[in-house]
Amino acid sequence: MNAPPDDDQSRRNRANIAAAVVVLALAAGAFWLVKAIEDHQNIENCLASGRHDCVAPIEQSSGAR
């Protein structure tokens, strides 16, 4: 027996939504990766030019150990 057309359309809609979510997640990951590589490259270029203030210093907590 054939499934009702509404059930088939509903399944296609869910598959399309799932595919869209996966594509958006991949695009977001690619954007993050490109930005991370760009930031790293900028720091490397700064260090290669002989500068020492390329990255903001990390503040240490004043709590006792």
PDB file of N, CA and C in Angstrom:
ATOM      1  N   MET A   1       0.838  -1.186   0.000  1.00  0.00           N
ATOM      2  CA  MET A   1       0.000   0.000   0.000  1.00  0.00           C
ATOM      3  C   MET A   1       0.880   1.245   0.000  1.00  0.00           C
ATOM      4  N   ASN A   2       0.390   2.257  -0.622  1.00  0.00           N
ATOM      5  CA  ASN A   2       1.117   3.516  -0.695  1.00  0.00           C
ATOM      6  C   ASN A   2       0.789   4.387   0.505  1.00  0.00           C
ATOM      7  N   ALA A   3       1.788   5.135   0.957  1.00  0.00           N
ATOM      8  CA  ALA A   3       1.569   6.060   2.070  1.00  0.00           C
ATOM      9  C   ALA A   3       0.771   7.252   1.568  1.00  0.00           C
ATOM     10  N   PRO A   4      -0.010   7.847   2.443  1.00  0.00           N
ATOM     11  CA  PRO A   4      -0.759   9.042   2.038  1.00  0.00           C
ATOM     12  C   PRO A   4       0.202  10.148   1.615  1.00  0.00           C
ATOM     13  N   PRO A   5      -0.170  10.978   0.650  1.00  0.00           N
ATOM     14  CA  PRO A   5       0.721  12.041   0.166  1.00  0.00           C
ATOM     15  C   PRO A   5       1.128  13.032   1.256  1.00  0.00           C
ATOM     16  N   ASP A   6       0.237  13.292   2.212  1.00  0.00           N
ATOM     17  CA  ASP A   6       0.566  14.244   3.280  1.00  0.00           C
ATOM     18  C   ASP A   6       1.724  13.731   4.129  1.00  0.00           C
ATOM     19  N   ASP A   7       1.738  12.421   4.397  1.00  0.00           N
ATOM     20  CA  ASP A   7       2.805  11.837   5.204  1.00  0.00           C
ATOM     21  C   ASP A   7       4.141  11.942   4.468  1.00  0.00           C
ATOM     22  N   ASP A   8       4.116  11.693   3.175  1.00  0.00           N
ATOM     23  CA  ASP A   8       5.333  11.783   2.370  1.00  0.00           C
ATOM     24  C   ASP A   8       5.849  13.224   2.322  1.00  0.00           C
ATOM     25  N   GLN A   9       4.954  14.170   2.159  1.00  0.00           N
ATOM     26  CA  GLN A   9       5.342  15.586   2.129  1.00  0.00           C
ATOM     27  C   GLN A   9       5.895  16.023   3.482  1.00  0.00           C
ATOM     28  N   SER A  10       5.294  15.545   4.562  1.00  0.00           N
ATOM     29  CA  SER A  10       5.775  15.884   5.903  1.00  0.00           C
ATOM     30  C   SER A  10       7.195  15.360   6.108  1.00  0.00           C
ATOM     31  N   ARG A  11       7.450  14.146   5.645  1.00  0.00           N
ATOM     32  CA  ARG A  11       8.784  13.562   5.773  1.00  0.00           C
ATOM     33  C   ARG A  11       9.798  14.364   4.955  1.00  0.00           C
ATOM     34  N   ARG A  12       9.412  14.795   3.777  1.00  0.00           N
ATOM     35  CA  ARG A  12      10.309  15.611   2.942  1.00  0.00           C
ATOM     36  C   ARG A  12      10.608  16.952   3.605  1.00  0.00           C
ATOM     37  N   ASN A  13       9.580  17.540   4.209  1.00  0.00           N
ATOM     38  CA  ASN A  13       9.788  18.824   4.891  1.00  0.00           C
ATOM     39  C   ASN A  13      10.782  18.674   6.034  1.00  0.00           C
ATOM     40  N   ARG A  14      10.634  17.606   6.821  1.00  0.00           N
ATOM     41  CA  ARG A  14      11.569  17.377   7.931  1.00  0.00           C
ATOM     42  C   ARG A  14      12.985  17.146   7.413  1.00  0.00           C
ATOM     43  N   ALA A  15      13.108  16.413   6.326  1.00  0.00           N
ATOM     44  CA  ALA A  15      14.432  16.161   5.750  1.00  0.00           C
ATOM     45  C   ALA A  15      15.049  17.459   5.232  1.00  0.00           C
ATOM     46  N   ASN A  16      14.249  18.309   4.621  1.00  0.00           N
ATOM     47  CA  ASN A  16      14.760  19.593   4.123  1.00  0.00           C
ATOM     48  C   ASN A  16      15.194  20.497   5.265  1.00  0.00           C
ATOM     49  N   ILE A  17      14.429  20.509   6.337  1.00  0.00           N
ATOM     50  CA  ILE A  17      14.793  21.326   7.499  1.00  0.00           C
ATOM     51  C   ILE A  17      16.086  20.802   8.118  1.00  0.00           C
ATOM     52  N   ALA A  18      16.203  19.484   8.240  1.00  0.00           N
ATOM     53  CA  ALA A  18      17.428  18.899   8.794  1.00  0.00           C
ATOM     54  C   ALA A  18      18.629  19.233   7.911  1.00  0.00           C
ATOM     55  N   ALA A  19      18.455  19.162   6.611  1.00  0.00           N
ATOM     56  CA  ALA A  19      19.549  19.495   5.695  1.00  0.00           C
ATOM     57  C   ALA A  19      19.937  20.965   5.818  1.00  0.00           C
ATOM     58  N   ALA A  20      18.947  21.840   5.962  1.00  0.00           N
ATOM     59  CA  ALA A  20      19.232  23.268   6.111  1.00  0.00           C
ATOM     60  C   ALA A  20      20.002  23.533   7.401  1.00  0.00           C
ATOM     61  N   VAL A  21      19.634  22.850   8.478  1.00  0.00           N
ATOM     62  CA  VAL A  21      20.334  23.020   9.756  1.00  0.00           C
ATOM     63  C   VAL A  21      21.789  22.561   9.621  1.00  0.00           C
ATOM     64  N   VAL A  22      22.012  21.444   8.952  1.00  0.00           N
ATOM     65  CA  VAL A  22      23.375  20.941   8.765  1.00  0.00           C
ATOM     66  C   VAL A  22      24.196  21.921   7.928  1.00  0.00           C
ATOM     67  N   VAL A  23      23.608  22.442   6.861  1.00  0.00           N
ATOM     68  CA  VAL A  23      24.324  23.390   6.002  1.00  0.00           C
ATOM     69  C   VAL A  23      24.665  24.660   6.777  1.00  0.00           C
ATOM     70  N   LEU A  24      23.726  25.158   7.575  1.00  0.00           N
ATOM     71  CA  LEU A  24      23.993  26.359   8.375  1.00  0.00           C
ATOM     72  C   LEU A  24      25.082  26.101   9.414  1.00  0.00           C
ATOM     73  N   ALA A  25      25.066  24.926  10.036  1.00  0.00           N
ATOM     74  CA  ALA A  25      26.104  24.592  11.012  1.00  0.00           C
ATOM     75  C   ALA A  25      27.477  24.517  10.337  1.00  0.00           C
ATOM     76  N   LEU A  26      27.535  23.925   9.158  1.00  0.00           N
ATOM     77  CA  LEU A  26      28.805  23.863   8.429  1.00  0.00           C
ATOM     78  C   LEU A  26      29.285  25.253   8.028  1.00  0.00           C
ATOM     79  N   ALA A  27      28.369  26.107   7.611  1.00  0.00           N
ATOM     80  CA  ALA A  27      28.743  27.471   7.229  1.00  0.00           C
ATOM     81  C   ALA A  27      29.263  28.243   8.439  1.00  0.00           C
ATOM     82  N   ALA A  28      28.603  28.083   9.588  1.00  0.00           N
ATOM     83  CA  ALA A  28      29.054  28.763  10.799  1.00  0.00           C
ATOM     84  C   ALA A  28      30.432  28.255  11.218  1.00  0.00           C
ATOM     85  N   GLY A  29      30.644  26.954  11.129  1.00  0.00           N
ATOM     86  CA  GLY A  29      31.950  26.388  11.459  1.00  0.00           C
ATOM     87  C   GLY A  29      33.037  26.880  10.520  1.00  0.00           C
ATOM     88  N   ALA A  30      32.727  26.980   9.248  1.00  0.00           N
ATOM     89  CA  ALA A  30      33.702  27.477   8.274  1.00  0.00           C
ATOM     90  C   ALA A  30      34.036  28.937   8.546  1.00  0.00           C
ATOM     91  N   PHE A  31      33.029  29.742   8.876  1.00  0.00           N
ATOM     92  CA  PHE A  31      33.258  31.154   9.191  1.00  0.00           C
ATOM     93  C   PHE A  31      34.162  31.277  10.411  1.00  0.00           C
ATOM     94  N   TRP A  32      33.872  30.493  11.465  1.00  0.00           N
ATOM     95  CA  TRP A  32      34.688  30.530  12.674  1.00  0.00           C
ATOM     96  C   TRP A  32      36.128  30.125  12.355  1.00  0.00           C
ATOM     97  N   LEU A  33      36.295  29.081  11.556  1.00  0.00           N
ATOM     98  CA  LEU A  33      37.630  28.609  11.218  1.00  0.00           C
ATOM     99  C   LEU A  33      38.417  29.654  10.437  1.00  0.00           C
ATOM    100  N   VAL A  34      37.782  30.304   9.483  1.00  0.00           N
ATOM    101  CA  VAL A  34      38.454  31.343   8.698  1.00  0.00           C
ATOM    102  C   VAL A  34      38.863  32.503   9.597  1.00  0.00           C
ATOM    103  N   LYS A  35      37.976  32.918  10.514  1.00  0.00           N
ATOM    104  CA  LYS A  35      38.314  34.010  11.438  1.00  0.00           C
ATOM    105  C   LYS A  35      39.469  33.610  12.358  1.00  0.00           C
ATOM    106  N   ALA A  36      39.480  32.384  12.853  1.00  0.00           N
ATOM    107  CA  ALA A  36      40.555  31.929  13.733  1.00  0.00           C
ATOM    108  C   ALA A  36      41.886  31.905  12.992  1.00  0.00           C
ATOM    109  N   ILE A  37      41.880  31.427  11.763  1.00  0.00           N
ATOM    110  CA  ILE A  37      43.113  31.402  10.969  1.00  0.00           C
ATOM    111  C   ILE A  37      43.586  32.820  10.681  1.00  0.00           C
ATOM    112  N   GLU A  38      42.658  33.713  10.374  1.00  0.00           N
ATOM    113  CA  GLU A  38      43.018  35.110  10.105  1.00  0.00           C
ATOM    114  C   GLU A  38      43.628  35.770  11.339  1.00  0.00           C
ATOM    115  N   ASP A  39      43.028  35.546  12.505  1.00  0.00           N
ATOM    116  CA  ASP A  39      43.571  36.115  13.742  1.00  0.00           C
ATOM    117  C   ASP A  39      44.972  35.570  14.023  1.00  0.00           C
ATOM    118  N   HIS A  40      45.144  34.274  13.827  1.00  0.00           N
ATOM    119  CA  HIS A  40      46.450  33.657  14.049  1.00  0.00           C
ATOM    120  C   HIS A  40      47.483  34.230  13.078  1.00  0.00           C
ATOM    121  N   GLN A  41      47.098  34.410  11.842  1.00  0.00           N
ATOM    122  CA  GLN A  41      48.012  34.969  10.837  1.00  0.00           C
ATOM    123  C   GLN A  41      48.407  36.400  11.201  1.00  0.00           C
ATOM    124  N   ASN A  42      47.445  37.184  11.687  1.00  0.00           N
ATOM    125  CA  ASN A  42      47.757  38.557  12.095  1.00  0.00           C
ATOM    126  C   ASN A  42      48.757  38.578  13.244  1.00  0.00           C
ATOM    127  N   ILE A  43      48.605  37.669  14.195  1.00  0.00           N
ATOM    128  CA  ILE A  43      49.547  37.597  15.319  1.00  0.00           C
ATOM    129  C   ILE A  43      50.926  37.173  14.820  1.00  0.00           C
ATOM    130  N   GLU A  44      50.975  36.191  13.925  1.00  0.00           N
ATOM    131  CA  GLU A  44      52.263  35.762  13.373  1.00  0.00           C
ATOM    132  C   GLU A  44      52.950  36.894  12.618  1.00  0.00           C
ATOM    133  N   ASN A  45      52.200  37.646  11.839  1.00  0.00           N
ATOM    134  CA  ASN A  45      52.783  38.775  11.102  1.00  0.00           C
ATOM    135  C   ASN A  45      53.319  39.829  12.056  1.00  0.00           C
ATOM    136  N   CYS A  46      52.593  40.079  13.125  1.00  0.00           N
ATOM    137  CA  CYS A  46      53.026  41.060  14.115  1.00  0.00           C
ATOM    138  C   CYS A  46      54.328  40.604  14.774  1.00  0.00           C
ATOM    139  N   LEU A  47      54.381  39.335  15.179  1.00  0.00           N
ATOM    140  CA  LEU A  47      55.593  38.816  15.812  1.00  0.00           C
ATOM    141  C   LEU A  47      56.763  38.789  14.836  1.00  0.00           C
ATOM    142  N   ALA A  48      56.496  38.474  13.585  1.00  0.00           N
ATOM    143  CA  ALA A  48      57.562  38.432  12.580  1.00  0.00           C
ATOM    144  C   ALA A  48      58.147  39.809  12.318  1.00  0.00           C
ATOM    145  N   SER A  49      57.364  40.856  12.567  1.00  0.00           N
ATOM    146  CA  SER A  49      57.874  42.210  12.367  1.00  0.00           C
ATOM    147  C   SER A  49      58.692  42.691  13.559  1.00  0.00           C
ATOM    148  N   GLY A  50      58.813  41.858  14.595  1.00  0.00           N
ATOM    149  CA  GLY A  50      59.663  42.194  15.729  1.00  0.00           C
ATOM    150  C   GLY A  50      58.939  42.830  16.899  1.00  0.00           C
ATOM    151  N   ARG A  51      57.660  42.961  16.820  1.00  0.00           N
ATOM    152  CA  ARG A  51      56.917  43.570  17.926  1.00  0.00           C
ATOM    153  C   ARG A  51      56.674  42.545  19.027  1.00  0.00           C
ATOM    154  N   HIS A  52      56.505  43.043  20.254  1.00  0.00           N
ATOM    155  CA  HIS A  52      56.270  42.165  21.394  1.00  0.00           C
ATOM    156  C   HIS A  52      54.900  42.390  22.030  1.00  0.00           C
ATOM    157  N   ASP A  53      54.153  43.354  21.535  1.00  0.00           N
ATOM    158  CA  ASP A  53      52.852  43.662  22.123  1.00  0.00           C
ATOM    159  C   ASP A  53      51.715  43.230  21.190  1.00  0.00           C
ATOM    160  N   CYS A  54      51.865  42.069  20.575  1.00  0.00           N
ATOM    161  CA  CYS A  54      50.901  41.621  19.570  1.00  0.00           C
ATOM    162  C   CYS A  54      49.621  41.068  20.191  1.00  0.00           C
ATOM    163  N   VAL A  55      49.725  40.541  21.392  1.00  0.00           N
ATOM    164  CA  VAL A  55      48.574  39.942  22.065  1.00  0.00           C
ATOM    165  C   VAL A  55      48.394  40.656  23.391  1.00  0.00           C
ATOM    166  N   ALA A  56      47.150  40.921  23.751  1.00  0.00           N
ATOM    167  CA  ALA A  56      46.878  41.573  25.036  1.00  0.00           C
ATOM    168  C   ALA A  56      47.362  40.666  26.165  1.00  0.00           C
ATOM    169  N   PRO A  57      48.013  41.236  27.173  1.00  0.00           N
ATOM    170  CA  PRO A  57      48.512  40.412  28.275  1.00  0.00           C
ATOM    171  C   PRO A  57      47.361  39.780  29.057  1.00  0.00           C
ATOM    172  N   ILE A  58      47.616  38.590  29.565  1.00  0.00           N
ATOM    173  CA  ILE A  58      46.622  37.881  30.367  1.00  0.00           C
ATOM    174  C   ILE A  58      46.808  38.298  31.811  1.00  0.00           C
ATOM    175  N   GLU A  59      45.736  38.782  32.415  1.00  0.00           N
ATOM    176  CA  GLU A  59      45.814  39.214  33.804  1.00  0.00           C
ATOM    177  C   GLU A  59      45.707  38.008  34.718  1.00  0.00           C
ATOM    178  N   GLN A  60      46.588  37.970  35.720  1.00  0.00           N
ATOM    179  CA  GLN A  60      46.547  36.882  36.682  1.00  0.00           C
ATOM    180  C   GLN A  60      45.626  37.262  37.820  1.00  0.00           C
ATOM    181  N   SER A  61      44.946  36.272  38.362  1.00  0.00           N
ATOM    182  CA  SER A  61      44.058  36.548  39.490  1.00  0.00           C
ATOM    183  C   SER A  61      44.905  36.856  40.717  1.00  0.00           C
ATOM    184  N   SER A  62      44.368  37.675  41.590  1.00  0.00           N
ATOM    185  CA  SER A  62      45.123  38.090  42.773  1.00  0.00           C
ATOM    186  C   SER A  62      44.892  37.152  43.948  1.00  0.00           C
ATOM    187  N   GLY A  63      44.164  36.068  43.745  1.00  0.00           N
ATOM    188  CA  GLY A  63      43.891  35.114  44.823  1.00  0.00           C
ATOM    189  C   GLY A  63      45.128  34.329  45.208  1.00  0.00           C
ATOM    190  N   ALA A  64      45.214  33.988  46.494  1.00  0.00           N
ATOM    191  CA  ALA A  64      46.355  33.220  46.985  1.00  0.00           C
ATOM    192  C   ALA A  64      46.150  31.745  46.666  1.00  0.00           C
ATOM    193  N   ARG A  65      47.278  31.056  46.474  1.00  0.00           N
ATOM    194  CA  ARG A  65      47.193  29.619  46.190  1.00  0.00           C
ATOM    195  C   ARG A  65      47.297  28.816  47.439  1.00  0.00           C
TER     196      ARG A  65
END
